[in-house]
Amino acid sequence: MTPDKLAPEDAETAASPRDVSPFWYLLLGTLFGVVLVKSEAVSWFRIQEMFRFQGFHMYGIIFSAIAVAAPLIWILRRSSMKTLTREPIDVPPKELGWGYRYAIGGTLFGVGWALGGACPGPMFALASAGQSVYVAAILGALAGTWLYGYLRPRLPHY
């Protein structure tokens, strides 16, 4: 819903996404990167340790994230909270899918994560922290994303 579709009293106070300074996005992204680095969630050693089932560190981080996110999603679904643009927040239920395409996609993601030592988000934190080899991983991820976008019309989607 855009401000012009709101009631007159709401239209005057409604913020648009353009009203939010890019500074806040940069600040939040930087803080998130610092948390990833300090918690060792971007550590190649920790990631390898997780995939080899030799340590609980990464599983603890993942389970902690679930323990925080699950009640917050529950609260969002039951509340009448609104976005900055005064639109209601709607968190639709996730549709679980099964089949070969999920197995192939999950396997490709997991193999890339295991070989690269990072999933897409932490790659930027690692590159920013001075691990310049992750620039190549980021370029590879971008190339893979472009390739998927190019091939998408020819792929089976149902």
Protein backbone atom coordinates (compact mmCIF):
# COMPACT_ATOMS: atom_id res chain seq x y z
CA MET A 1 0.00 0.00 0.00
CA THR A 2 1.45 3.34 -1.03
CA PRO A 3 0.99 6.57 0.95
CA ASP A 4 -1.50 7.86 -1.66
CA LYS A 5 -3.81 4.87 -0.92
CA LEU A 6 -3.79 5.47 2.84
CA ALA A 7 -6.36 7.38 4.77
CA PRO A 8 -5.47 11.12 4.80
CA GLU A 9 -4.40 11.08 8.46
CA ASP A 10 -2.10 8.07 7.84
CA ALA A 11 -0.67 9.39 4.57
CA GLU A 12 0.88 12.37 6.33
CA THR A 13 2.82 10.23 8.80
CA ALA A 14 3.60 7.21 6.59
CA ALA A 15 7.24 6.70 5.77
CA SER A 16 8.33 5.39 2.43
CA PRO A 17 11.31 3.09 1.93
CA ARG A 18 13.08 6.08 0.37
CA ASP A 19 12.80 7.94 3.68
CA VAL A 20 15.13 5.45 5.38
CA SER A 21 18.72 6.53 4.98
CA PRO A 22 21.09 4.01 3.37
CA PHE A 23 23.31 4.71 6.38
CA TRP A 24 21.04 2.56 8.57
CA TYR A 25 21.25 -0.36 6.14
CA LEU A 26 25.04 -0.02 6.04
CA LEU A 27 25.22 0.20 9.84
CA LEU A 28 23.01 -2.87 10.38
CA GLY A 29 24.91 -4.85 7.74
CA THR A 30 28.21 -3.90 9.34
CA LEU A 31 26.98 -4.90 12.79
CA PHE A 32 25.74 -8.21 11.40
CA GLY A 33 29.16 -8.79 9.81
CA VAL A 34 30.92 -8.04 13.10
CA VAL A 35 28.66 -10.52 14.91
CA LEU A 36 29.38 -13.18 12.26
CA VAL A 37 33.14 -12.66 12.56
CA LYS A 38 33.23 -12.44 16.38
CA SER A 39 31.02 -15.53 16.83
CA GLU A 40 33.32 -17.42 14.44
CA ALA A 41 30.32 -18.21 12.22
CA VAL A 42 32.52 -17.30 9.25
CA SER A 43 35.48 -19.41 10.37
CA TRP A 44 36.47 -21.96 7.76
CA PHE A 45 37.67 -24.22 10.57
CA ARG A 46 34.31 -24.02 12.38
CA ILE A 47 32.38 -24.72 9.19
CA GLN A 48 34.54 -27.74 8.35
CA GLU A 49 34.19 -28.91 11.94
CA MET A 50 30.40 -28.73 11.58
CA PHE A 51 30.31 -30.66 8.29
CA ARG A 52 32.52 -33.36 9.80
CA PHE A 53 30.31 -33.57 12.92
CA GLN A 54 33.36 -32.84 15.08
CA GLY A 55 32.05 -29.85 17.00
CA PHE A 56 28.86 -28.26 18.27
CA HIS A 57 29.87 -24.58 17.81
CA MET A 58 28.08 -23.91 14.49
CA TYR A 59 25.08 -26.04 15.43
CA GLY A 60 24.80 -23.98 18.62
CA ILE A 61 24.73 -20.77 16.58
CA ILE A 62 22.11 -22.18 14.20
CA PHE A 63 19.92 -23.52 17.02
CA SER A 64 20.24 -20.19 18.88
CA ALA A 65 19.05 -18.36 15.76
CA ILE A 66 16.06 -20.70 15.51
CA ALA A 67 15.29 -20.24 19.22
CA VAL A 68 15.21 -16.45 18.72
CA ALA A 69 13.49 -16.36 15.31
CA ALA A 70 10.69 -18.87 15.98
CA PRO A 71 9.00 -16.93 18.80
CA LEU A 72 9.49 -13.64 16.94
CA ILE A 73 7.79 -15.04 13.82
CA TRP A 74 5.00 -16.39 16.02
CA ILE A 75 4.56 -12.92 17.57
CA LEU A 76 4.61 -11.22 14.15
CA ARG A 77 1.93 -13.56 12.79
CA ARG A 78 -0.38 -12.83 15.72
CA SER A 79 0.21 -9.10 16.07
CA SER A 80 -1.01 -6.15 14.08
CA MET A 81 2.44 -4.65 13.60
CA LYS A 82 3.03 -2.57 10.49
CA THR A 83 6.02 -1.76 8.31
CA LEU A 84 7.54 1.71 8.03
CA THR A 85 5.16 2.33 5.12
CA ARG A 86 2.19 1.37 7.36
CA GLU A 87 1.53 -1.89 5.54
CA PRO A 88 0.54 -4.86 7.71
CA ILE A 89 3.31 -7.37 8.23
CA ASP A 90 2.25 -10.68 6.75
CA VAL A 91 4.38 -13.78 7.33
CA PRO A 92 2.78 -16.50 5.21
CA PRO A 93 3.32 -20.13 6.20
CA LYS A 94 6.24 -21.77 4.43
CA GLU A 95 5.25 -24.36 1.89
CA LEU A 96 7.52 -27.35 2.19
CA GLY A 97 8.41 -29.03 -1.03
CA TRP A 98 9.87 -32.40 -1.76
CA GLY A 99 11.44 -33.83 -4.84
CA TYR A 100 14.57 -33.99 -6.86
CA ARG A 101 14.91 -30.24 -7.42
CA TYR A 102 15.15 -29.59 -3.66
CA ALA A 103 17.65 -32.43 -3.29
CA ILE A 104 19.77 -31.09 -6.15
CA GLY A 105 19.55 -27.46 -4.98
CA GLY A 106 20.31 -28.36 -1.36
CA THR A 107 23.22 -30.55 -2.41
CA LEU A 108 24.71 -27.82 -4.61
CA PHE A 109 24.35 -25.28 -1.82
CA GLY A 110 25.87 -27.66 0.75
CA VAL A 111 28.79 -28.63 -1.48
CA GLY A 112 29.49 -24.97 -2.23
CA TRP A 113 29.31 -24.14 1.47
CA ALA A 114 31.62 -27.02 2.41
CA LEU A 115 34.16 -26.32 -0.32
CA GLY A 116 34.08 -22.55 -0.04
CA GLY A 117 33.93 -22.54 3.73
CA ALA A 118 31.11 -19.98 3.80
CA CYS A 119 27.55 -19.48 2.68
CA PRO A 120 26.71 -16.33 0.70
CA GLY A 121 26.14 -13.85 3.56
CA PRO A 122 29.36 -14.46 5.47
CA MET A 123 31.43 -14.30 2.26
CA PHE A 124 31.02 -10.51 2.29
CA ALA A 125 32.03 -10.35 5.96
CA LEU A 126 35.09 -12.48 5.26
CA ALA A 127 36.13 -10.36 2.28
CA SER A 128 35.65 -7.22 4.39
CA ALA A 129 37.73 -8.76 7.19
CA GLY A 130 40.70 -9.09 4.83
CA GLN A 131 40.19 -12.62 3.51
CA SER A 132 40.64 -11.53 -0.10
CA VAL A 133 40.24 -15.06 -1.49
CA TYR A 134 36.51 -14.68 -0.83
CA VAL A 135 36.29 -12.07 -3.57
CA ALA A 136 36.67 -15.01 -5.98
CA ALA A 137 33.94 -16.91 -4.11
CA ILE A 138 31.63 -13.88 -4.30
CA LEU A 139 32.27 -13.55 -8.04
CA GLY A 140 31.54 -17.28 -8.43
CA ALA A 141 28.29 -16.91 -6.47
CA LEU A 142 27.27 -13.95 -8.62
CA ALA A 143 28.11 -15.88 -11.79
CA GLY A 144 26.03 -18.83 -10.57
CA THR A 145 23.14 -16.52 -9.77
CA TRP A 146 23.34 -14.96 -13.23
CA LEU A 147 23.52 -18.42 -14.84
CA TYR A 148 20.41 -19.54 -12.94
CA GLY A 149 18.57 -16.39 -14.02
CA TYR A 150 19.56 -17.03 -17.62
CA LEU A 151 18.57 -20.71 -17.55
CA ARG A 152 15.45 -20.29 -15.39
CA PRO A 153 12.97 -20.14 -18.29
CA ARG A 154 14.30 -23.50 -19.52
CA LEU A 155 14.28 -25.20 -16.10
CA PRO A 156 11.36 -27.22 -14.72
CA HIS A 157 9.43 -25.09 -12.23
CA TYR A 158 6.12 -26.23 -10.88
